[in-house]
Amino acid sequence: MKSNDAPKTGDLVDFYTNSWVMDRDEYRSRNPGLVLASKLGRHEILWSNGTRSIEHKAYLRTVDKRIGD
C-alpha cells in the first residue's frame, strides 16, 4: 500500500506500527483482519480473533505488502 493509498472494503489487512508505545503483540495476535467499512481514513476491521475495531489507515497495511518485508 502506498502512503497515500487507503485500504478498501474487502481488503485483508494487518495492524502495523513501529511505535514502542503500542502493545504490538496484542495487535499481531489478531492479524489479519477484513475491512468491513471505510470513511474519512478510518476503517472498521473484523479481526481473525472475532473482535472488531476502528483503525486509522496509518496503522494498516494490506496483507500482500507484508510478503518480502
N, C-alpha and C. Protein backbone atom coordinates (compact mmCIF):
# COMPACT_ATOMS: atom_id res chain seq x y z
N MET A 1 0.85 -1.17 0.00
CA MET A 1 0.00 0.00 0.00
C MET A 1 0.89 1.23 0.00
N LYS A 2 0.72 2.09 -0.96
CA LYS A 2 1.46 3.34 -0.99
C LYS A 2 1.00 4.21 0.16
N SER A 3 1.83 5.18 0.54
CA SER A 3 1.50 6.02 1.70
C SER A 3 0.17 6.76 1.53
N ASN A 4 -0.23 7.07 0.30
CA ASN A 4 -1.48 7.79 0.10
C ASN A 4 -2.64 6.86 -0.24
N ASP A 5 -2.38 5.54 -0.34
CA ASP A 5 -3.44 4.58 -0.61
C ASP A 5 -4.08 4.15 0.69
N ALA A 6 -5.38 4.07 0.68
CA ALA A 6 -6.11 3.59 1.85
C ALA A 6 -6.68 2.22 1.53
N PRO A 7 -6.73 1.35 2.54
CA PRO A 7 -7.37 0.06 2.28
C PRO A 7 -8.83 0.25 1.91
N LYS A 8 -9.34 -0.67 1.12
CA LYS A 8 -10.72 -0.59 0.66
C LYS A 8 -11.55 -1.68 1.34
N THR A 9 -12.85 -1.50 1.35
CA THR A 9 -13.74 -2.51 1.88
C THR A 9 -13.46 -3.84 1.18
N GLY A 10 -13.29 -4.88 1.97
CA GLY A 10 -12.98 -6.20 1.43
C GLY A 10 -11.51 -6.55 1.45
N ASP A 11 -10.63 -5.57 1.69
CA ASP A 11 -9.19 -5.85 1.74
C ASP A 11 -8.83 -6.61 3.01
N LEU A 12 -7.85 -7.47 2.90
CA LEU A 12 -7.28 -8.16 4.05
C LEU A 12 -6.09 -7.35 4.52
N VAL A 13 -6.08 -6.97 5.81
CA VAL A 13 -5.06 -6.06 6.33
C VAL A 13 -4.45 -6.60 7.62
N ASP A 14 -3.28 -6.07 7.94
CA ASP A 14 -2.62 -6.28 9.23
C ASP A 14 -2.54 -4.94 9.94
N PHE A 15 -2.62 -4.97 11.28
CA PHE A 15 -2.29 -3.80 12.07
C PHE A 15 -0.78 -3.72 12.08
N TYR A 16 -0.23 -2.52 11.84
CA TYR A 16 1.21 -2.37 11.72
C TYR A 16 1.65 -1.04 12.30
N THR A 17 2.66 -1.08 13.15
CA THR A 17 3.26 0.14 13.68
C THR A 17 4.67 -0.16 14.15
N ASN A 18 5.51 0.83 14.11
CA ASN A 18 6.86 0.73 14.66
C ASN A 18 6.95 1.36 16.04
N SER A 19 5.85 1.88 16.52
CA SER A 19 5.85 2.59 17.80
C SER A 19 5.98 1.63 18.98
N TRP A 20 6.91 1.91 19.86
CA TRP A 20 7.09 1.10 21.06
C TRP A 20 5.97 1.34 22.06
N VAL A 21 5.24 2.43 21.88
CA VAL A 21 4.16 2.77 22.81
C VAL A 21 2.99 1.79 22.68
N MET A 22 2.78 1.30 21.48
CA MET A 22 1.68 0.36 21.25
C MET A 22 2.05 -1.03 21.76
N ASP A 23 1.08 -1.76 22.24
CA ASP A 23 1.28 -3.15 22.64
C ASP A 23 1.16 -4.00 21.37
N ARG A 24 2.24 -4.10 20.65
CA ARG A 24 2.20 -4.72 19.33
C ARG A 24 1.85 -6.20 19.36
N ASP A 25 2.24 -6.95 20.40
CA ASP A 25 1.92 -8.37 20.47
C ASP A 25 0.41 -8.58 20.50
N GLU A 26 -0.30 -7.73 21.21
CA GLU A 26 -1.76 -7.84 21.27
C GLU A 26 -2.36 -7.67 19.88
N TYR A 27 -1.86 -6.70 19.13
CA TYR A 27 -2.39 -6.46 17.79
C TYR A 27 -1.96 -7.56 16.82
N ARG A 28 -0.71 -7.99 16.89
CA ARG A 28 -0.23 -9.03 15.98
C ARG A 28 -1.01 -10.32 16.14
N SER A 29 -1.42 -10.64 17.36
CA SER A 29 -2.12 -11.89 17.60
C SER A 29 -3.50 -11.93 16.96
N ARG A 30 -4.05 -10.78 16.61
CA ARG A 30 -5.37 -10.78 15.96
C ARG A 30 -5.29 -10.58 14.45
N ASN A 31 -4.11 -10.38 13.90
CA ASN A 31 -3.94 -10.25 12.44
C ASN A 31 -4.22 -11.58 11.77
N PRO A 32 -4.69 -11.59 10.54
CA PRO A 32 -5.11 -10.44 9.73
C PRO A 32 -6.55 -10.05 10.05
N GLY A 33 -6.98 -8.98 9.40
CA GLY A 33 -8.35 -8.52 9.56
C GLY A 33 -8.95 -8.16 8.21
N LEU A 34 -10.26 -8.12 8.17
CA LEU A 34 -11.00 -7.80 6.96
C LEU A 34 -11.63 -6.42 7.12
N VAL A 35 -11.41 -5.55 6.14
CA VAL A 35 -12.01 -4.21 6.17
C VAL A 35 -13.49 -4.33 5.85
N LEU A 36 -14.33 -3.95 6.83
CA LEU A 36 -15.79 -4.01 6.65
C LEU A 36 -16.36 -2.72 6.10
N ALA A 37 -15.77 -1.59 6.50
CA ALA A 37 -16.26 -0.28 6.08
C ALA A 37 -15.14 0.74 6.20
N SER A 38 -15.22 1.77 5.37
CA SER A 38 -14.21 2.83 5.38
C SER A 38 -14.89 4.18 5.26
N LYS A 39 -14.40 5.15 6.07
CA LYS A 39 -14.92 6.51 5.99
C LYS A 39 -13.88 7.47 6.55
N LEU A 40 -13.48 8.44 5.74
CA LEU A 40 -12.58 9.51 6.15
C LEU A 40 -11.28 9.00 6.79
N GLY A 41 -10.68 7.99 6.19
CA GLY A 41 -9.40 7.49 6.69
C GLY A 41 -9.49 6.57 7.88
N ARG A 42 -10.71 6.27 8.31
CA ARG A 42 -10.93 5.34 9.44
C ARG A 42 -11.63 4.11 8.89
N HIS A 43 -11.20 2.95 9.38
CA HIS A 43 -11.68 1.70 8.82
C HIS A 43 -12.17 0.77 9.92
N GLU A 44 -13.35 0.21 9.70
CA GLU A 44 -13.86 -0.80 10.63
C GLU A 44 -13.28 -2.14 10.20
N ILE A 45 -12.61 -2.82 11.15
CA ILE A 45 -11.92 -4.06 10.86
C ILE A 45 -12.53 -5.19 11.68
N LEU A 46 -12.78 -6.32 11.02
CA LEU A 46 -13.14 -7.56 11.70
C LEU A 46 -11.87 -8.40 11.74
N TRP A 47 -11.33 -8.60 12.94
CA TRP A 47 -10.06 -9.30 13.12
C TRP A 47 -10.26 -10.81 13.14
N SER A 48 -9.20 -11.54 12.89
CA SER A 48 -9.27 -13.00 12.81
C SER A 48 -9.70 -13.65 14.12
N ASN A 49 -9.55 -12.94 15.24
CA ASN A 49 -9.98 -13.49 16.53
C ASN A 49 -11.44 -13.16 16.84
N GLY A 50 -12.15 -12.53 15.89
CA GLY A 50 -13.57 -12.23 16.06
C GLY A 50 -13.88 -10.86 16.61
N THR A 51 -12.87 -10.10 17.04
CA THR A 51 -13.10 -8.75 17.56
C THR A 51 -13.20 -7.75 16.41
N ARG A 52 -13.78 -6.61 16.70
CA ARG A 52 -13.88 -5.52 15.73
C ARG A 52 -13.26 -4.27 16.34
N SER A 53 -12.71 -3.43 15.48
CA SER A 53 -12.19 -2.14 15.94
C SER A 53 -12.20 -1.16 14.78
N ILE A 54 -12.05 0.11 15.13
CA ILE A 54 -11.91 1.18 14.15
C ILE A 54 -10.44 1.60 14.19
N GLU A 55 -9.79 1.60 13.04
CA GLU A 55 -8.37 1.93 12.95
C GLU A 55 -8.13 2.98 11.88
N HIS A 56 -7.16 3.85 12.13
CA HIS A 56 -6.75 4.84 11.13
C HIS A 56 -5.90 4.15 10.07
N LYS A 57 -5.99 4.63 8.84
CA LYS A 57 -5.26 4.00 7.73
C LYS A 57 -3.75 3.95 7.96
N ALA A 58 -3.21 4.84 8.78
CA ALA A 58 -1.77 4.86 9.03
C ALA A 58 -1.29 3.59 9.74
N TYR A 59 -2.20 2.90 10.42
CA TYR A 59 -1.83 1.70 11.17
C TYR A 59 -2.20 0.41 10.46
N LEU A 60 -2.58 0.50 9.20
CA LEU A 60 -2.98 -0.68 8.44
C LEU A 60 -2.13 -0.85 7.21
N ARG A 61 -1.83 -2.10 6.90
CA ARG A 61 -1.20 -2.39 5.61
C ARG A 61 -1.83 -3.66 5.07
N THR A 62 -1.97 -3.71 3.76
CA THR A 62 -2.59 -4.87 3.15
C THR A 62 -1.67 -6.08 3.30
N VAL A 63 -2.27 -7.24 3.42
CA VAL A 63 -1.51 -8.46 3.67
C VAL A 63 -0.49 -8.72 2.58
N ASP A 64 -0.79 -8.42 1.34
CA ASP A 64 0.17 -8.68 0.26
C ASP A 64 1.44 -7.84 0.42
N LYS A 65 1.40 -6.75 1.18
CA LYS A 65 2.58 -5.91 1.38
C LYS A 65 3.53 -6.48 2.42
N ARG A 66 3.06 -7.40 3.28
CA ARG A 66 3.95 -7.95 4.31
C ARG A 66 4.88 -9.01 3.74
N ILE A 67 4.53 -9.57 2.60
CA ILE A 67 5.38 -10.58 1.97
C ILE A 67 6.63 -9.88 1.44
N GLY A 68 7.79 -10.34 1.89
CA GLY A 68 9.05 -9.76 1.44
C GLY A 68 9.56 -8.63 2.31
N ASP A 69 8.82 -8.27 3.39
CA ASP A 69 9.29 -7.21 4.29
C ASP A 69 10.46 -7.69 5.11
